[in-house]
Amino acid sequence: MENIKIEESEHIALITIDHPPANAWDLNTMTEFEEAINAVEASESVRVVMITGAGQKCFSAGFDVRDAGNADKISPLGRSLWRRIDRFAKPVIAVINGFALGGGLELAMACHFRIMTNDPKATVGLTELNLGIIPGWGGTQRLPRLVGRARALNMILFSERIGGEEALAIGLVDRVAVPEKLMEEAFAFARQLAERPPIAVACVLKAICAGLYEGLDAGLQVESEGSAIVRGTRDRQEGFAAFLEKRKPRFMGR
């Protein structure tokens, strides 16, 4: 692919947005990203997904205005893909290596975890109102869930951009790292996730999503179904055996 790169090692898939100068989303980049998501979802070896931007300055600046003629195709696809990532059955980590603005931040917010550089030049924000438009790829819904309504309104209505330390303080990102250690710390976290039992992880992600978006009763139902699924797995047998034998379990995803 031209604008999206995929690497895999240790059950971790790294998807890199490589569309200079700002890793923005035109139709080709969005279509390639969908292919990448399809590939990692179908892969039996991938347990964790990381998403980052190429270069040192930008995670993603959002919609590519140079391809405005395809907005009627790009925007629905962006909304659909970001929603899909939000409900992905494998953990997805946004590694925010620089600016994450508009649709770029909306993508990061759709991920399960966000790790950001604390480079003072790197900022995140939903800046669409500066152009007379609104966040359209989930920003009006996911940002209040992460930081609360009042703070979200301030960020959106005033197109506020904040740095990594402030984003951490308000709960928009989960952790920060110095630029030279960002990928190292992100991979270390991803490896920890990859060691967890994949089937059980998927069941937890599905149950939490059901509860958040469909209500408590739906979440409890999906949780019950997940409990039944994991009882029949080899990973459950391995987990119990490792506990009794006082050793670290080796989960195989079976």
Protein backbone atom coordinates (compact mmCIF):
# COMPACT_ATOMS: atom_id res chain seq x y z
CA MET A 1 0.00 0.00 0.00
CA GLU A 2 1.09 3.56 -0.68
CA ASN A 3 0.01 5.54 2.40
CA ILE A 4 -0.56 2.88 5.06
CA LYS A 5 2.20 0.58 6.30
CA ILE A 6 1.77 -2.61 8.34
CA GLU A 7 4.45 -4.41 10.34
CA GLU A 8 3.93 -7.39 12.62
CA SER A 9 6.08 -8.91 15.37
CA GLU A 10 5.42 -10.68 18.67
CA HIS A 11 1.66 -10.82 17.97
CA ILE A 12 1.60 -7.01 17.57
CA ALA A 13 0.59 -5.25 14.35
CA LEU A 14 1.88 -1.72 13.87
CA ILE A 15 -0.18 0.35 11.41
CA THR A 16 1.56 3.55 10.33
CA ILE A 17 -0.23 6.42 8.58
CA ASP A 18 2.34 7.58 6.02
CA HIS A 19 0.72 10.34 3.99
CA PRO A 20 2.96 13.43 4.08
CA PRO A 21 3.04 16.16 5.03
CA ALA A 22 0.39 15.79 7.76
CA ASN A 23 -0.82 12.16 7.54
CA ALA A 24 -4.25 13.48 6.56
CA TRP A 25 -7.10 11.37 5.25
CA ASP A 26 -7.84 11.43 1.55
CA LEU A 27 -9.89 8.69 -0.12
CA ASN A 28 -6.89 6.54 -1.04
CA THR A 29 -5.45 6.66 2.49
CA MET A 30 -8.82 5.87 4.03
CA THR A 31 -9.36 2.94 1.64
CA GLU A 32 -5.92 1.53 2.40
CA PHE A 33 -6.57 1.93 6.12
CA GLU A 34 -9.73 -0.15 5.75
CA GLU A 35 -7.67 -2.87 4.04
CA ALA A 36 -5.20 -2.79 6.93
CA ILE A 37 -7.97 -3.08 9.51
CA ASN A 38 -9.46 -6.00 7.59
CA ALA A 39 -6.07 -7.72 7.55
CA VAL A 40 -5.29 -7.38 11.27
CA GLU A 41 -8.83 -8.35 12.23
CA ALA A 42 -8.62 -11.56 10.18
CA SER A 43 -5.09 -12.45 11.31
CA GLU A 44 -4.90 -15.30 13.83
CA SER A 45 -1.42 -14.22 14.89
CA VAL A 46 -2.24 -10.55 15.66
CA ARG A 47 -3.41 -10.00 19.23
CA VAL A 48 -2.78 -6.25 19.64
CA VAL A 49 -2.90 -3.36 17.16
CA MET A 50 -0.89 -0.13 17.38
CA ILE A 51 -1.65 2.91 15.21
CA THR A 52 0.80 5.78 14.76
CA GLY A 53 1.85 8.43 12.26
CA ALA A 54 4.98 8.48 10.16
CA GLY A 55 7.63 11.03 11.04
CA GLN A 56 8.21 12.95 14.24
CA LYS A 57 5.66 15.77 13.97
CA CYS A 58 2.23 14.42 13.18
CA PHE A 59 -0.03 11.54 14.17
CA SER A 60 -2.77 12.78 11.84
CA ALA A 61 -4.18 16.19 10.99
CA GLY A 62 -7.57 14.75 10.07
CA PHE A 63 -9.46 15.23 6.81
CA ASP A 64 -7.33 16.11 3.78
CA VAL A 65 -8.88 19.26 2.33
CA ARG A 66 -6.93 18.66 -0.89
CA ASP A 67 -9.36 15.81 -1.58
CA ALA A 68 -12.53 17.75 -0.72
CA GLY A 69 -14.13 16.48 -3.91
CA ASN A 70 -14.34 13.03 -2.32
CA ALA A 71 -15.69 14.22 1.03
CA ASP A 72 -19.00 12.43 0.42
CA LYS A 73 -17.05 9.14 0.33
CA ILE A 74 -14.31 9.86 2.86
CA SER A 75 -16.46 11.05 5.75
CA PRO A 76 -18.91 8.11 5.87
CA LEU A 77 -15.98 5.70 5.62
CA GLY A 78 -14.16 7.51 8.42
CA ARG A 79 -17.19 7.37 10.69
CA SER A 80 -17.66 3.68 9.94
CA LEU A 81 -14.02 2.73 10.46
CA TRP A 82 -13.59 4.76 13.66
CA ARG A 83 -16.75 3.09 15.04
CA ARG A 84 -15.35 -0.28 14.05
CA ILE A 85 -12.09 0.39 15.89
CA ASP A 86 -14.06 1.51 18.95
CA ARG A 87 -15.70 -1.92 18.95
CA PHE A 88 -12.67 -3.93 17.83
CA ALA A 89 -12.24 -7.34 19.46
CA LYS A 90 -8.46 -6.82 19.78
CA PRO A 91 -6.92 -4.03 21.87
CA VAL A 92 -6.01 -0.98 19.76
CA ILE A 93 -3.40 1.51 20.98
CA ALA A 94 -3.05 5.00 19.50
CA VAL A 95 0.60 6.06 19.68
CA ILE A 96 0.28 9.83 19.31
CA ASN A 97 3.69 10.93 18.10
CA GLY A 98 2.75 14.53 17.26
CA PHE A 99 -0.22 16.63 16.24
CA ALA A 100 -3.59 14.84 16.40
CA LEU A 101 -6.22 17.24 15.13
CA GLY A 102 -9.80 16.85 13.93
CA GLY A 103 -10.30 13.40 12.49
CA GLY A 104 -6.85 12.40 13.71
CA LEU A 105 -7.86 12.94 17.33
CA GLU A 106 -11.21 11.30 16.61
CA LEU A 107 -9.31 8.19 15.47
CA ALA A 108 -7.16 8.23 18.61
CA MET A 109 -10.25 8.56 20.81
CA ALA A 110 -11.80 5.53 19.11
CA CYS A 111 -8.81 3.42 20.17
CA HIS A 112 -8.88 1.56 23.48
CA PHE A 113 -5.68 3.19 24.75
CA ARG A 114 -3.79 6.40 23.95
CA ILE A 115 -0.08 6.98 24.59
CA MET A 116 1.20 10.43 23.65
CA THR A 117 4.53 12.20 23.35
CA ASN A 118 5.10 14.99 25.85
CA ASP A 119 6.95 17.06 23.24
CA PRO A 120 5.70 20.62 23.92
CA LYS A 121 5.23 21.16 20.19
CA ALA A 122 2.75 18.26 19.93
CA THR A 123 -0.88 19.16 20.57
CA VAL A 124 -4.28 17.51 20.17
CA GLY A 125 -7.67 19.07 19.56
CA LEU A 126 -10.91 19.13 17.64
CA THR A 127 -10.41 22.29 15.64
CA GLU A 128 -13.20 21.95 13.08
CA LEU A 129 -15.15 25.02 14.23
CA ASN A 130 -12.28 27.21 13.00
CA LEU A 131 -13.46 26.17 9.53
CA GLY A 132 -17.13 26.64 10.29
CA ILE A 133 -17.80 22.89 10.49
CA ILE A 134 -18.15 20.42 13.37
CA PRO A 135 -16.38 17.19 14.35
CA GLY A 136 -18.06 14.55 12.21
CA TRP A 137 -16.21 11.29 12.87
CA GLY A 138 -17.37 10.74 16.45
CA GLY A 139 -15.72 13.64 18.25
CA THR A 140 -18.89 15.14 19.73
CA GLN A 141 -19.67 11.78 21.35
CA ARG A 142 -16.32 10.32 22.41
CA LEU A 143 -14.65 13.45 23.78
CA PRO A 144 -17.37 14.11 26.44
CA ARG A 145 -17.17 10.46 27.48
CA LEU A 146 -13.45 10.83 28.10
CA VAL A 147 -13.14 14.32 29.63
CA GLY A 148 -16.68 15.32 30.67
CA ARG A 149 -19.21 17.55 28.96
CA ALA A 150 -18.00 20.98 30.06
CA ARG A 151 -14.36 20.37 29.14
CA ALA A 152 -15.38 18.79 25.83
CA LEU A 153 -17.55 21.79 24.98
CA ASN A 154 -14.67 24.15 25.71
CA MET A 155 -12.30 22.14 23.56
CA ILE A 156 -14.72 21.87 20.65
CA LEU A 157 -16.40 25.30 20.71
CA PHE A 158 -13.11 27.16 21.08
CA SER A 159 -11.02 24.77 18.94
CA GLU A 160 -8.69 24.35 21.91
CA ARG A 161 -5.41 22.50 21.42
CA ILE A 162 -3.64 20.96 24.41
CA GLY A 163 -0.33 19.21 25.01
CA GLY A 164 0.43 15.74 26.29
CA GLU A 165 0.70 16.54 30.00
CA GLU A 166 -2.63 18.38 30.04
CA ALA A 167 -4.25 15.64 27.96
CA LEU A 168 -3.06 13.14 30.57
CA ALA A 169 -4.35 15.26 33.45
CA ILE A 170 -7.90 15.44 32.03
CA GLY A 171 -8.03 11.77 30.99
CA LEU A 172 -7.83 12.28 27.24
CA VAL A 173 -4.69 10.11 27.04
CA ASP A 174 -3.65 7.26 29.33
CA ARG A 175 0.07 7.92 29.54
CA VAL A 176 2.79 10.15 28.12
CA ALA A 177 6.40 9.51 27.18
CA VAL A 178 9.39 11.54 26.09
CA PRO A 179 9.65 11.52 22.28
CA GLU A 180 12.70 9.27 22.11
CA LYS A 181 11.03 6.67 24.36
CA LEU A 182 7.49 6.82 22.95
CA MET A 183 7.60 3.79 20.66
CA GLU A 184 9.65 1.77 23.14
CA GLU A 185 7.10 2.32 25.91
CA ALA A 186 4.17 1.72 23.55
CA PHE A 187 5.63 -1.60 22.41
CA ALA A 188 6.32 -2.62 26.02
CA PHE A 189 2.68 -1.99 26.88
CA ALA A 190 1.52 -3.81 23.73
CA ARG A 191 3.65 -6.85 24.64
CA GLN A 192 1.99 -7.01 28.05
CA LEU A 193 -1.42 -6.98 26.37
CA ALA A 194 -0.33 -9.61 23.85
CA GLU A 195 0.52 -11.99 26.70
CA ARG A 196 -3.05 -11.93 27.99
CA PRO A 197 -5.52 -14.67 26.90
CA PRO A 198 -6.80 -13.44 23.50
CA ILE A 199 -10.25 -15.04 23.64
CA ALA A 200 -10.90 -13.68 27.12
CA VAL A 201 -9.62 -10.25 26.06
CA ALA A 202 -12.02 -10.20 23.11
CA CYS A 203 -14.92 -11.18 25.37
CA VAL A 204 -14.10 -8.37 27.80
CA LEU A 205 -13.89 -5.78 25.01
CA LYS A 206 -17.23 -6.89 23.57
CA ALA A 207 -18.95 -6.86 26.97
CA ILE A 208 -17.69 -3.39 27.87
CA CYS A 209 -18.77 -1.98 24.49
CA ALA A 210 -22.21 -3.53 24.84
CA GLY A 211 -22.64 -1.99 28.27
CA LEU A 212 -21.40 1.44 27.23
CA TYR A 213 -23.41 1.77 24.04
CA GLU A 214 -26.40 -0.52 24.49
CA GLY A 215 -27.02 -0.34 28.23
CA LEU A 216 -26.39 -2.33 31.39
CA ASP A 217 -28.68 -5.26 30.58
CA ALA A 218 -27.09 -5.73 27.16
CA GLY A 219 -23.63 -5.58 28.72
CA LEU A 220 -24.54 -8.18 31.32
CA GLN A 221 -25.90 -10.46 28.61
CA VAL A 222 -22.72 -10.23 26.54
CA GLU A 223 -20.65 -10.76 29.69
CA SER A 224 -22.63 -13.94 30.43
CA GLU A 225 -22.08 -15.18 26.90
CA GLY A 226 -18.36 -14.45 27.19
CA SER A 227 -18.13 -16.37 30.45
CA ALA A 228 -19.62 -19.41 28.73
CA ILE A 229 -17.18 -19.08 25.82
CA VAL A 230 -14.01 -18.91 27.93
CA ARG A 231 -15.02 -21.89 30.07
CA GLY A 232 -14.43 -24.14 27.09
CA THR A 233 -11.03 -22.79 26.06
CA ARG A 234 -7.59 -24.32 26.41
CA ASP A 235 -6.44 -20.96 27.74
CA ARG A 236 -8.70 -21.48 30.74
CA GLN A 237 -7.10 -24.87 31.35
CA GLU A 238 -3.65 -23.31 30.99
CA GLY A 239 -4.53 -20.47 33.36
CA PHE A 240 -5.70 -22.81 36.10
CA ALA A 241 -2.74 -25.16 35.60
CA ALA A 242 -0.24 -22.30 35.75
CA PHE A 243 -1.85 -21.00 38.93
CA LEU A 244 -1.61 -24.40 40.63
CA GLU A 245 1.95 -24.93 39.40
CA LYS A 246 2.98 -21.41 40.42
CA ARG A 247 4.29 -20.43 36.99
CA LYS A 248 3.52 -17.83 34.36
CA PRO A 249 0.75 -18.95 31.96
CA ARG A 250 1.39 -19.23 28.21
CA PHE A 251 -1.86 -18.41 26.51
CA MET A 252 -2.29 -19.67 22.94
CA GLY A 253 -5.64 -18.19 22.01
CA ARG A 254 -7.38 -21.55 21.86
